[in-house]
C-alpha atoms as a PDB file:
ATOM      1  CA  MET A   1      40.151 -32.516 -25.912  1.00  0.00           C
ATOM      2  CA  LEU A   2      39.216 -34.298 -22.690  1.00  0.00           C
ATOM      3  CA  LYS A   3      41.376 -31.875 -20.735  1.00  0.00           C
ATOM      4  CA  ASN A   4      39.656 -28.935 -22.410  1.00  0.00           C
ATOM      5  CA  MET A   5      36.251 -30.338 -21.488  1.00  0.00           C
ATOM      6  CA  LYS A   6      37.294 -30.843 -17.867  1.00  0.00           C
ATOM      7  CA  ALA A   7      38.767 -27.357 -17.715  1.00  0.00           C
ATOM      8  CA  SER A   8      35.554 -25.937 -19.169  1.00  0.00           C
ATOM      9  CA  GLN A   9      33.443 -27.814 -16.594  1.00  0.00           C
ATOM     10  CA  VAL A  10      35.689 -26.646 -13.745  1.00  0.00           C
ATOM     11  CA  GLY A  11      35.454 -23.052 -14.986  1.00  0.00           C
ATOM     12  CA  LEU A  12      31.661 -23.309 -15.273  1.00  0.00           C
ATOM     13  CA  GLY A  13      31.471 -24.784 -11.781  1.00  0.00           C
ATOM     14  CA  LEU A  14      33.531 -21.900 -10.368  1.00  0.00           C
ATOM     15  CA  ILE A  15      31.255 -19.390 -12.068  1.00  0.00           C
ATOM     16  CA  TYR A  16      28.168 -21.040 -10.570  1.00  0.00           C
ATOM     17  CA  LEU A  17      29.857 -21.139  -7.157  1.00  0.00           C
ATOM     18  CA  VAL A  18      30.652 -17.424  -7.285  1.00  0.00           C
ATOM     19  CA  LEU A  19      27.093 -16.616  -8.403  1.00  0.00           C
ATOM     20  CA  ILE A  20      25.578 -18.723  -5.613  1.00  0.00           C
ATOM     21  CA  ILE A  21      27.781 -17.042  -2.990  1.00  0.00           C
ATOM     22  CA  TRP A  22      26.883 -13.623  -4.391  1.00  0.00           C
ATOM     23  CA  ALA A  23      23.170 -14.480  -4.348  1.00  0.00           C
ATOM     24  CA  VAL A  24      23.359 -15.659  -0.722  1.00  0.00           C
ATOM     25  CA  ILE A  25      25.166 -12.460   0.319  1.00  0.00           C
ATOM     26  CA  SER A  26      22.557 -10.362  -1.513  1.00  0.00           C
ATOM     27  CA  LEU A  27      19.705 -12.149   0.267  1.00  0.00           C
ATOM     28  CA  ILE A  28      21.130 -11.732   3.784  1.00  0.00           C
ATOM     29  CA  PRO A  29      19.459  -8.311   4.374  1.00  0.00           C
ATOM     30  CA  LEU A  30      16.081  -9.716   3.325  1.00  0.00           C
ATOM     31  CA  TYR A  31      16.623 -12.769   5.514  1.00  0.00           C
ATOM     32  CA  TRP A  32      17.530 -10.496   8.420  1.00  0.00           C
ATOM     33  CA  VAL A  33      14.328  -8.482   8.005  1.00  0.00           C
ATOM     34  CA  PHE A  34      12.089 -11.555   8.151  1.00  0.00           C
ATOM     35  CA  THR A  35      13.973 -13.309  10.960  1.00  0.00           C
ATOM     36  CA  THR A  36      14.095 -10.170  13.112  1.00  0.00           C
ATOM     37  CA  SER A  37      10.348  -9.718  12.640  1.00  0.00           C
ATOM     38  CA  ILE A  38       9.673 -13.147  14.201  1.00  0.00           C
ATOM     39  CA  GLN A  39      12.165 -12.975  17.048  1.00  0.00           C
ATOM     40  CA  GLN A  40      10.997 -12.955  20.644  1.00  0.00           C
ATOM     41  CA  PRO A  41      10.738  -9.423  22.122  1.00  0.00           C
ATOM     42  CA  GLU A  42      13.770 -10.089  24.357  1.00  0.00           C
ATOM     43  CA  GLU A  43      15.793 -11.506  21.456  1.00  0.00           C
ATOM     44  CA  VAL A  44      15.685  -8.457  19.193  1.00  0.00           C
ATOM     45  CA  GLN A  45      18.365  -6.484  21.033  1.00  0.00           C
ATOM     46  CA  ILE A  46      20.601  -9.374  22.089  1.00  0.00           C
ATOM     47  CA  MET A  47      24.266  -8.832  21.216  1.00  0.00           C
ATOM     48  CA  PRO A  48      25.660 -10.572  19.300  1.00  0.00           C
ATOM     49  CA  PRO A  49      22.406 -11.023  17.388  1.00  0.00           C
ATOM     50  CA  ARG A  50      21.022 -14.479  16.771  1.00  0.00           C
ATOM     51  CA  PHE A  51      21.113 -15.575  13.170  1.00  0.00           C
ATOM     52  CA  ILE A  52      18.353 -18.165  13.729  1.00  0.00           C
ATOM     53  CA  PRO A  53      15.333 -17.110  15.846  1.00  0.00           C
ATOM     54  CA  SER A  54      14.403 -19.356  18.744  1.00  0.00           C
ATOM     55  CA  VAL A  55      10.961 -20.022  17.251  1.00  0.00           C
ATOM     56  CA  ILE A  56      12.740 -21.816  14.388  1.00  0.00           C
ATOM     57  CA  SER A  57      15.461 -23.571  16.379  1.00  0.00           C
ATOM     58  CA  GLN A  58      13.428 -24.575  19.448  1.00  0.00           C
ATOM     59  CA  TYR A  59       9.821 -25.053  18.319  1.00  0.00           C
ATOM     60  CA  LEU A  60      10.112 -28.595  16.952  1.00  0.00           C
ATOM     61  CA  PRO A  61      12.270 -29.932  19.858  1.00  0.00           C
ATOM     62  CA  LEU A  62       9.812 -28.499  22.375  1.00  0.00           C
ATOM     63  CA  LYS A  63       6.840 -29.870  20.447  1.00  0.00           C
ATOM     64  CA  MET A  64       8.376 -33.336  20.158  1.00  0.00           C
ATOM     65  CA  SER A  65       9.313 -33.385  23.845  1.00  0.00           C
ATOM     66  CA  GLY A  66       5.720 -32.671  24.853  1.00  0.00           C
ATOM     67  CA  GLN A  67       6.246 -29.081  25.975  1.00  0.00           C
ATOM     68  CA  THR A  68       3.314 -27.828  23.953  1.00  0.00           C
ATOM     69  CA  GLU A  69       2.647 -24.740  26.051  1.00  0.00           C
ATOM     70  CA  ARG A  70       6.237 -23.547  25.797  1.00  0.00           C
ATOM     71  CA  ALA A  71       6.196 -24.128  22.027  1.00  0.00           C
ATOM     72  CA  GLN A  72       2.982 -22.111  21.734  1.00  0.00           C
ATOM     73  CA  GLU A  73       4.546 -19.302  23.779  1.00  0.00           C
ATOM     74  CA  LEU A  74       7.370 -19.144  21.247  1.00  0.00           C
ATOM     75  CA  VAL A  75       4.872 -18.841  18.397  1.00  0.00           C
ATOM     76  CA  ASN A  76       2.912 -16.146  20.225  1.00  0.00           C
ATOM     77  CA  GLY A  77       6.110 -14.212  20.915  1.00  0.00           C
ATOM     78  CA  ALA A  78       7.200 -14.537  17.295  1.00  0.00           C
ATOM     79  CA  LEU A  79       3.871 -13.111  16.091  1.00  0.00           C
ATOM     80  CA  GLU A  80       3.721 -10.361  18.714  1.00  0.00           C
ATOM     81  CA  SER A  81       5.316  -7.745  16.442  1.00  0.00           C
ATOM     82  CA  TYR A  82       2.839  -8.481  13.660  1.00  0.00           C
ATOM     83  CA  ARG A  83      -0.072  -8.427  16.105  1.00  0.00           C
ATOM     84  CA  LEU A  84       1.042  -5.052  17.422  1.00  0.00           C
ATOM     85  CA  LEU A  85       1.617  -3.787  13.875  1.00  0.00           C
ATOM     86  CA  PHE A  86      -1.910  -4.558  12.696  1.00  0.00           C
ATOM     87  CA  GLN A  87      -3.691  -3.610  15.921  1.00  0.00           C
ATOM     88  CA  LYS A  88      -1.897  -0.391  16.877  1.00  0.00           C
ATOM     89  CA  THR A  89      -1.081   1.148  13.491  1.00  0.00           C
ATOM     90  CA  ARG A  90      -2.867   1.883  10.205  1.00  0.00           C
ATOM     91  CA  ILE A  91      -0.718  -0.583   8.285  1.00  0.00           C
ATOM     92  CA  SER A  92      -3.715  -2.112   6.490  1.00  0.00           C
ATOM     93  CA  ARG A  93      -4.833   1.279   5.170  1.00  0.00           C
ATOM     94  CA  TRP A  94      -1.289   2.207   4.132  1.00  0.00           C
ATOM     95  CA  PHE A  95      -0.895  -1.146   2.386  1.00  0.00           C
ATOM     96  CA  LEU A  96      -4.120  -0.673   0.431  1.00  0.00           C
ATOM     97  CA  ASN A  97      -3.119   2.889  -0.486  1.00  0.00           C
ATOM     98  CA  SER A  98       0.222   1.722  -1.840  1.00  0.00           C
ATOM     99  CA  LEU A  99      -1.372  -1.189  -3.684  1.00  0.00           C
ATOM    100  CA  MET A 100      -4.048   0.997  -5.297  1.00  0.00           C
ATOM    101  CA  ILE A 101      -1.582   3.697  -6.354  1.00  0.00           C
ATOM    102  CA  SER A 102       1.062   1.246  -7.592  1.00  0.00           C
ATOM    103  CA  LEU A 103      -1.372  -0.844  -9.643  1.00  0.00           C
ATOM    104  CA  THR A 104      -3.038   2.231 -11.157  1.00  0.00           C
ATOM    105  CA  ALA A 105       0.306   3.871 -11.952  1.00  0.00           C
ATOM    106  CA  THR A 106       1.592   0.657 -13.533  1.00  0.00           C
ATOM    107  CA  ALA A 107      -1.530   0.258 -15.691  1.00  0.00           C
ATOM    108  CA  GLY A 108      -1.397   3.920 -16.731  1.00  0.00           C
ATOM    109  CA  ILE A 109       2.262   3.808 -17.677  1.00  0.00           C
ATOM    110  CA  LEU A 110       1.907   0.568 -19.636  1.00  0.00           C
ATOM    111  CA  PHE A 111      -1.012   1.989 -21.624  1.00  0.00           C
ATOM    112  CA  LEU A 112       0.186   5.561 -22.234  1.00  0.00           C
ATOM    113  CA  ASP A 113       3.880   4.746 -22.712  1.00  0.00           C
ATOM    114  CA  SER A 114       3.128   1.871 -25.081  1.00  0.00           C
ATOM    115  CA  MET A 115       0.976   4.136 -27.264  1.00  0.00           C
ATOM    116  CA  ALA A 116       3.715   6.782 -27.333  1.00  0.00           C
ATOM    117  CA  ALA A 117       6.334   4.119 -28.078  1.00  0.00           C
ATOM    118  CA  PHE A 118       4.213   2.753 -30.924  1.00  0.00           C
ATOM    119  CA  SER A 119       4.002   6.222 -32.466  1.00  0.00           C
ATOM    120  CA  PHE A 120       7.728   6.862 -32.158  1.00  0.00           C
ATOM    121  CA  ALA A 121       8.655   3.398 -33.445  1.00  0.00           C
ATOM    122  CA  LYS A 122       6.250   2.847 -36.332  1.00  0.00           C
ATOM    123  CA  LYS A 123       4.511   6.089 -37.280  1.00  0.00           C
ATOM    124  CA  GLN A 124       5.938   8.745 -39.578  1.00  0.00           C
ATOM    125  CA  PHE A 125       5.413  12.411 -38.701  1.00  0.00           C
ATOM    126  CA  PRO A 126       7.518  15.592 -38.915  1.00  0.00           C
ATOM    127  CA  GLY A 127      10.108  15.960 -36.184  1.00  0.00           C
ATOM    128  CA  ARG A 128       9.566  12.435 -34.842  1.00  0.00           C
ATOM    129  CA  ASP A 129      13.202  11.665 -34.055  1.00  0.00           C
ATOM    130  CA  PHE A 130      13.895  15.187 -32.783  1.00  0.00           C
ATOM    131  CA  LEU A 131      10.954  15.058 -30.385  1.00  0.00           C
ATOM    132  CA  PHE A 132      11.940  11.590 -29.217  1.00  0.00           C
ATOM    133  CA  TRP A 133      15.500  12.549 -28.353  1.00  0.00           C
ATOM    134  CA  ILE A 134      14.345  15.756 -26.684  1.00  0.00           C
ATOM    135  CA  MET A 135      12.054  13.639 -24.542  1.00  0.00           C
ATOM    136  CA  VAL A 136      14.846  11.175 -23.748  1.00  0.00           C
ATOM    137  CA  GLY A 137      17.051  14.121 -22.806  1.00  0.00           C
ATOM    138  CA  THR A 138      14.678  14.994 -19.978  1.00  0.00           C
ATOM    139  CA  MET A 139      15.849  11.815 -18.226  1.00  0.00           C
ATOM    140  CA  THR A 140      19.033  13.695 -17.337  1.00  0.00           C
ATOM    141  CA  ILE A 141      17.073  16.143 -15.148  1.00  0.00           C
ATOM    142  CA  PRO A 142      17.355  15.126 -11.462  1.00  0.00           C
ATOM    143  CA  GLY A 143      13.992  14.200  -9.972  1.00  0.00           C
ATOM    144  CA  GLN A 144      14.576  16.494  -6.991  1.00  0.00           C
ATOM    145  CA  VAL A 145      14.546  19.514  -9.309  1.00  0.00           C
ATOM    146  CA  LEU A 146      10.960  18.701 -10.315  1.00  0.00           C
ATOM    147  CA  LEU A 147       9.535  18.400  -6.809  1.00  0.00           C
ATOM    148  CA  VAL A 148       8.619  22.079  -6.405  1.00  0.00           C
ATOM    149  CA  PRO A 149       7.032  22.453  -9.890  1.00  0.00           C
ATOM    150  CA  LEU A 150       5.109  19.198  -9.374  1.00  0.00           C
ATOM    151  CA  PHE A 151       3.817  20.370  -6.017  1.00  0.00           C
ATOM    152  CA  MET A 152       2.701  23.688  -7.532  1.00  0.00           C
ATOM    153  CA  VAL A 153       0.833  21.815 -10.270  1.00  0.00           C
ATOM    154  CA  VAL A 154      -1.019  19.468  -7.900  1.00  0.00           C
ATOM    155  CA  ARG A 155      -1.793  22.418  -5.614  1.00  0.00           C
ATOM    156  CA  GLU A 156      -3.356  24.337  -8.508  1.00  0.00           C
ATOM    157  CA  LEU A 157      -5.357  21.235  -9.380  1.00  0.00           C
ATOM    158  CA  GLY A 158      -6.619  21.104  -5.797  1.00  0.00           C
ATOM    159  CA  VAL A 159      -5.594  17.494  -5.184  1.00  0.00           C
ATOM    160  CA  VAL A 160      -3.022  17.957  -2.401  1.00  0.00           C
ATOM    161  CA  ASN A 161      -3.564  15.482   0.452  1.00  0.00           C
ATOM    162  CA  THR A 162      -5.386  13.069  -1.832  1.00  0.00           C
ATOM    163  CA  PRO A 163      -4.185   9.923  -3.670  1.00  0.00           C
ATOM    164  CA  TRP A 164      -4.386  11.879  -6.947  1.00  0.00           C
ATOM    165  CA  ALA A 165      -1.483  14.051  -5.822  1.00  0.00           C
ATOM    166  CA  ILE A 166       0.712  10.943  -5.643  1.00  0.00           C
ATOM    167  CA  LEU A 167      -0.725   9.188  -8.686  1.00  0.00           C
ATOM    168  CA  LEU A 168      -0.899  11.867 -11.392  1.00  0.00           C
ATOM    169  CA  PRO A 169       2.882  12.469 -11.706  1.00  0.00           C
ATOM    170  CA  GLN A 170       3.396   8.710 -12.009  1.00  0.00           C
ATOM    171  CA  LEU A 171       1.084   8.088 -14.967  1.00  0.00           C
ATOM    172  CA  SER A 172       3.845   8.437 -17.558  1.00  0.00           C
ATOM    173  CA  MET A 173       7.563   7.715 -17.620  1.00  0.00           C
ATOM    174  CA  VAL A 174      10.102   8.669 -20.283  1.00  0.00           C
ATOM    175  CA  PHE A 175      12.156   5.549 -19.662  1.00  0.00           C
ATOM    176  CA  GLY A 176       9.084   3.428 -20.383  1.00  0.00           C
ATOM    177  CA  VAL A 177       8.618   5.065 -23.782  1.00  0.00           C
ATOM    178  CA  PHE A 178      12.292   4.514 -24.575  1.00  0.00           C
ATOM    179  CA  LEU A 179      12.244   0.862 -23.472  1.00  0.00           C
ATOM    180  CA  LEU A 180       9.079  -0.079 -25.361  1.00  0.00           C
ATOM    181  CA  ARG A 181      10.156   1.806 -28.469  1.00  0.00           C
ATOM    182  CA  GLN A 182      13.297  -0.346 -28.614  1.00  0.00           C
ATOM    183  CA  PHE A 183      11.145  -3.484 -28.441  1.00  0.00           C
ATOM    184  CA  MET A 184       8.708  -2.266 -31.065  1.00  0.00           C
ATOM    185  CA  LEU A 185      11.465  -1.315 -33.495  1.00  0.00           C
ATOM    186  CA  THR A 186      12.316  -5.026 -33.760  1.00  0.00           C
ATOM    187  CA  VAL A 187       8.799  -5.895 -34.953  1.00  0.00           C
ATOM    188  CA  PRO A 188       8.786  -6.281 -38.770  1.00  0.00           C
ATOM    189  CA  SER A 189       6.692  -3.631 -40.501  1.00  0.00           C
ATOM    190  CA  GLU A 190       5.341  -6.365 -42.770  1.00  0.00           C
ATOM    191  CA  LEU A 191       3.171  -7.541 -39.879  1.00  0.00           C
ATOM    192  CA  MET A 192       1.534  -4.144 -39.718  1.00  0.00           C
ATOM    193  CA  GLU A 193       0.974  -4.100 -43.459  1.00  0.00           C
ATOM    194  CA  ALA A 194      -0.605  -7.564 -43.298  1.00  0.00           C
ATOM    195  CA  ALA A 195      -2.910  -6.366 -40.530  1.00  0.00           C
ATOM    196  CA  ARG A 196      -3.931  -3.308 -42.595  1.00  0.00           C
ATOM    197  CA  ILE A 197      -4.720  -5.562 -45.552  1.00  0.00           C
ATOM    198  CA  ASP A 198      -6.953  -7.603 -43.254  1.00  0.00           C
ATOM    199  CA  GLY A 199      -8.815  -4.404 -42.377  1.00  0.00           C
ATOM    200  CA  ALA A 200      -7.341  -3.647 -38.967  1.00  0.00           C
ATOM    201  CA  SER A 201      -7.470  -0.048 -37.740  1.00  0.00           C
ATOM    202  CA  GLU A 202      -4.394   1.720 -36.381  1.00  0.00           C
ATOM    203  CA  PHE A 203      -5.579   1.112 -32.837  1.00  0.00           C
ATOM    204  CA  GLY A 204      -6.283  -2.510 -33.752  1.00  0.00           C
ATOM    205  CA  ILE A 205      -2.715  -2.890 -35.018  1.00  0.00           C
ATOM    206  CA  TYR A 206      -1.402  -1.390 -31.809  1.00  0.00           C
ATOM    207  CA  TRP A 207      -3.658  -3.548 -29.611  1.00  0.00           C
ATOM    208  CA  ARG A 208      -3.614  -6.869 -31.475  1.00  0.00           C
ATOM    209  CA  VAL A 209      -0.182  -6.872 -33.116  1.00  0.00           C
ATOM    210  CA  MET A 210       2.267  -4.651 -31.275  1.00  0.00           C
ATOM    211  CA  LEU A 211       1.276  -5.261 -27.663  1.00  0.00           C
ATOM    212  CA  PRO A 212       1.381  -9.098 -27.815  1.00  0.00           C
ATOM    213  CA  LEU A 213       4.804  -9.005 -29.469  1.00  0.00           C
ATOM    214  CA  ALA A 214       6.081  -6.468 -26.937  1.00  0.00           C
ATOM    215  CA  LYS A 215       4.885  -8.549 -23.971  1.00  0.00           C
ATOM    216  CA  PRO A 216       8.411  -9.134 -22.540  1.00  0.00           C
ATOM    217  CA  GLY A 217       9.052  -5.393 -22.640  1.00  0.00           C
ATOM    218  CA  LEU A 218       5.676  -4.654 -21.073  1.00  0.00           C
ATOM    219  CA  ALA A 219       6.318  -7.156 -18.288  1.00  0.00           C
ATOM    220  CA  THR A 220       9.766  -5.719 -17.600  1.00  0.00           C
ATOM    221  CA  LEU A 221       8.428  -2.169 -17.558  1.00  0.00           C
ATOM    222  CA  GLY A 222       5.520  -3.251 -15.377  1.00  0.00           C
ATOM    223  CA  ILE A 223       7.844  -4.756 -12.773  1.00  0.00           C
ATOM    224  CA  LEU A 224      10.117  -1.709 -12.774  1.00  0.00           C
ATOM    225  CA  THR A 225       7.144   0.663 -12.545  1.00  0.00           C
ATOM    226  CA  PHE A 226       5.392  -1.247  -9.769  1.00  0.00           C
ATOM    227  CA  THR A 227       8.630  -1.485  -7.787  1.00  0.00           C
ATOM    228  CA  SER A 228       9.401   2.206  -8.219  1.00  0.00           C
ATOM    229  CA  SER A 229       5.876   3.287  -7.281  1.00  0.00           C
ATOM    230  CA  TRP A 230       5.656   0.908  -4.319  1.00  0.00           C
ATOM    231  CA  ASN A 231       8.988   2.088  -2.887  1.00  0.00           C
ATOM    232  CA  SER A 232       8.452   5.788  -3.626  1.00  0.00           C
ATOM    233  CA  PHE A 233       8.972   7.820  -0.478  1.00  0.00           C
ATOM    234  CA  LEU A 234       9.972  11.445  -1.075  1.00  0.00           C
ATOM    235  CA  TRP A 235       7.114  12.576  -3.339  1.00  0.00           C
ATOM    236  CA  PRO A 236       4.305  10.893  -1.310  1.00  0.00           C
ATOM    237  CA  LEU A 237       5.822  12.445   1.817  1.00  0.00           C
ATOM    238  CA  ILE A 238       5.602  15.914   0.235  1.00  0.00           C
ATOM    239  CA  ALA A 239       2.237  15.543  -1.499  1.00  0.00           C
ATOM    240  CA  VAL A 240       0.243  14.020   1.369  1.00  0.00           C
ATOM    241  CA  GLN A 241       0.238  14.981   5.043  1.00  0.00           C
ATOM    242  CA  LYS A 242      -2.897  13.107   6.149  1.00  0.00           C
ATOM    243  CA  SER A 243      -2.078   9.740   7.705  1.00  0.00           C
ATOM    244  CA  GLU A 244      -5.164   8.145   6.145  1.00  0.00           C
ATOM    245  CA  TRP A 245      -3.598   8.607   2.679  1.00  0.00           C
ATOM    246  CA  PHE A 246      -0.025   7.675   3.593  1.00  0.00           C
ATOM    247  CA  THR A 247       1.621   5.071   1.436  1.00  0.00           C
ATOM    248  CA  LEU A 248       3.411   2.183   3.092  1.00  0.00           C
ATOM    249  CA  PRO A 249       6.972   3.653   2.986  1.00  0.00           C
ATOM    250  CA  VAL A 250       5.747   6.938   4.500  1.00  0.00           C
ATOM    251  CA  GLY A 251       3.695   5.122   7.117  1.00  0.00           C
ATOM    252  CA  LEU A 252       6.670   2.961   8.110  1.00  0.00           C
ATOM    253  CA  LYS A 253       8.721   6.119   8.608  1.00  0.00           C
ATOM    254  CA  THR A 254       6.182   7.328  11.172  1.00  0.00           C
ATOM    255  CA  LEU A 255       6.595   4.018  13.012  1.00  0.00           C
ATOM    256  CA  GLN A 256      10.307   4.604  13.161  1.00  0.00           C
ATOM    257  CA  ASP A 257       9.781   8.077  14.579  1.00  0.00           C
ATOM    258  CA  GLN A 258       7.392   6.816  17.257  1.00  0.00           C
ATOM    259  CA  ASN A 259       9.122   3.541  18.146  1.00  0.00           C
ATOM    260  CA  LEU A 260      12.854   4.117  17.906  1.00  0.00           C
ATOM    261  CA  VAL A 261      13.743   0.998  19.929  1.00  0.00           C
ATOM    262  CA  ASN A 262      11.019  -1.395  18.754  1.00  0.00           C
ATOM    263  CA  TYR A 263      13.021  -3.046  15.997  1.00  0.00           C
ATOM    264  CA  GLY A 264      10.695  -6.023  15.873  1.00  0.00           C
ATOM    265  CA  LEU A 265       7.791  -3.738  14.954  1.00  0.00           C
ATOM    266  CA  LEU A 266       9.858  -1.933  12.334  1.00  0.00           C
ATOM    267  CA  MET A 267      11.101  -5.173  10.795  1.00  0.00           C
ATOM    268  CA  SER A 268       7.609  -6.653  10.703  1.00  0.00           C
ATOM    269  CA  GLY A 269       6.452  -3.570   8.784  1.00  0.00           C
ATOM    270  CA  ALA A 270       9.402  -3.896   6.403  1.00  0.00           C
ATOM    271  CA  ALA A 271       8.552  -7.576   5.883  1.00  0.00           C
ATOM    272  CA  VAL A 272       4.940  -6.720   5.004  1.00  0.00           C
ATOM    273  CA  ALA A 273       6.220  -4.108   2.533  1.00  0.00           C
ATOM    274  CA  ALA A 274       8.632  -6.589   0.932  1.00  0.00           C
ATOM    275  CA  ILE A 275       6.125  -9.395   0.329  1.00  0.00           C
ATOM    276  CA  PRO A 276       4.358  -7.807  -2.722  1.00  0.00           C
ATOM    277  CA  MET A 277       7.736  -7.074  -4.306  1.00  0.00           C
ATOM    278  CA  ILE A 278       8.798 -10.690  -3.929  1.00  0.00           C
ATOM    279  CA  ILE A 279       5.519 -11.978  -5.359  1.00  0.00           C
ATOM    280  CA  VAL A 280       5.664  -9.643  -8.364  1.00  0.00           C
ATOM    281  CA  PHE A 281       9.260 -10.501  -9.154  1.00  0.00           C
ATOM    282  CA  LEU A 282       8.813 -14.261  -8.828  1.00  0.00           C
ATOM    283  CA  SER A 283       5.669 -14.128 -10.973  1.00  0.00           C
ATOM    284  CA  PHE A 284       7.265 -12.244 -13.859  1.00  0.00           C
ATOM    285  CA  GLN A 285      10.983 -13.020 -13.585  1.00  0.00           C
ATOM    286  CA  GLN A 286      10.869 -15.143 -16.731  1.00  0.00           C
ATOM    287  CA  TYR A 287      10.386 -11.995 -18.807  1.00  0.00           C
ATOM    288  CA  PHE A 288      13.751 -10.647 -17.714  1.00  0.00           C
ATOM    289  CA  VAL A 289      15.528 -13.503 -19.474  1.00  0.00           C
ATOM    290  CA  LYS A 290      13.012 -14.396 -22.154  1.00  0.00           C
ATOM    291  CA  GLY A 291      13.809 -12.958 -25.560  1.00  0.00           C
ATOM    292  CA  LEU A 292      11.295 -11.189 -27.699  1.00  0.00           C
ATOM    293  CA  THR A 293       9.713 -13.741 -30.048  1.00  0.00           C
ATOM    294  CA  LEU A 294       8.257 -12.366 -33.239  1.00  0.00           C
ATOM    295  CA  GLY A 295       5.649 -14.135 -35.322  1.00  0.00           C
ATOM    296  CA  GLY A 296       6.147 -14.901 -38.959  1.00  0.00           C
ATOM    297  CA  VAL A 297       4.957 -12.715 -41.793  1.00  0.00           C
ATOM    298  CA  LYS A 298       1.622 -13.702 -43.210  1.00  0.00           C
ATOM    299  CA  GLY A 299       1.987 -15.422 -46.507  1.00  0.00           C
END
């Protein structure tokens, strides 16, 4: 028995070791983006590249040795790419555009998809299952096929070159309906009946009963939606040609076209674009592993 316990602990330790190594390897590209963005201008193109920027490895020794001016020069050089990014480009406007569109698209999808999921999960109407699976079948259509029809629609609506051209196609998502429906199917119907007995309306049941119990699904869908909208590149590139309405990915592409050798500037822009994603994920990561907890039936 003792041998079995030791073998189990060794096996568990190996699993954790493999997972830690895999996590470190996965984070190397992100680490490279941030470290390159704070390298000195002359460091960016050094071969072989430096894994640790000089501002990290040399700042404290210089500061402790009394070379304050040299230490400050390192800091100024490390921030030069960010200073150039915010002074010479429209990064602030692009950031706000992406934030506005992503937040609005996420809110719209959570509201509209959750209502559709509630209907498909708990309401009875003719052709419910047939309509649901037809809708799910549209997920097999490649997104590139829809670009021309979508552009024709937004052109007829007269919203080309405005944020509405980017936002409107993102206000609903079939996958979101499918995901939330699966969560809502696990909610006991007795809870709905108890709410009806208490005098709740259908919208009240949806708002006060279904949504709180589907919170893990809503959080997961919200993260996926925000990430997808924030990183969207092809459709915003097609729908908007005015730089004042560029989203962050499209705006960063223009930096790459104009500054092919300024990798520090490009990496600083990529770092700014990555920060909201990191914050969103760290804030809501618990919902990826947290199970759906259902309340008890009134009685």
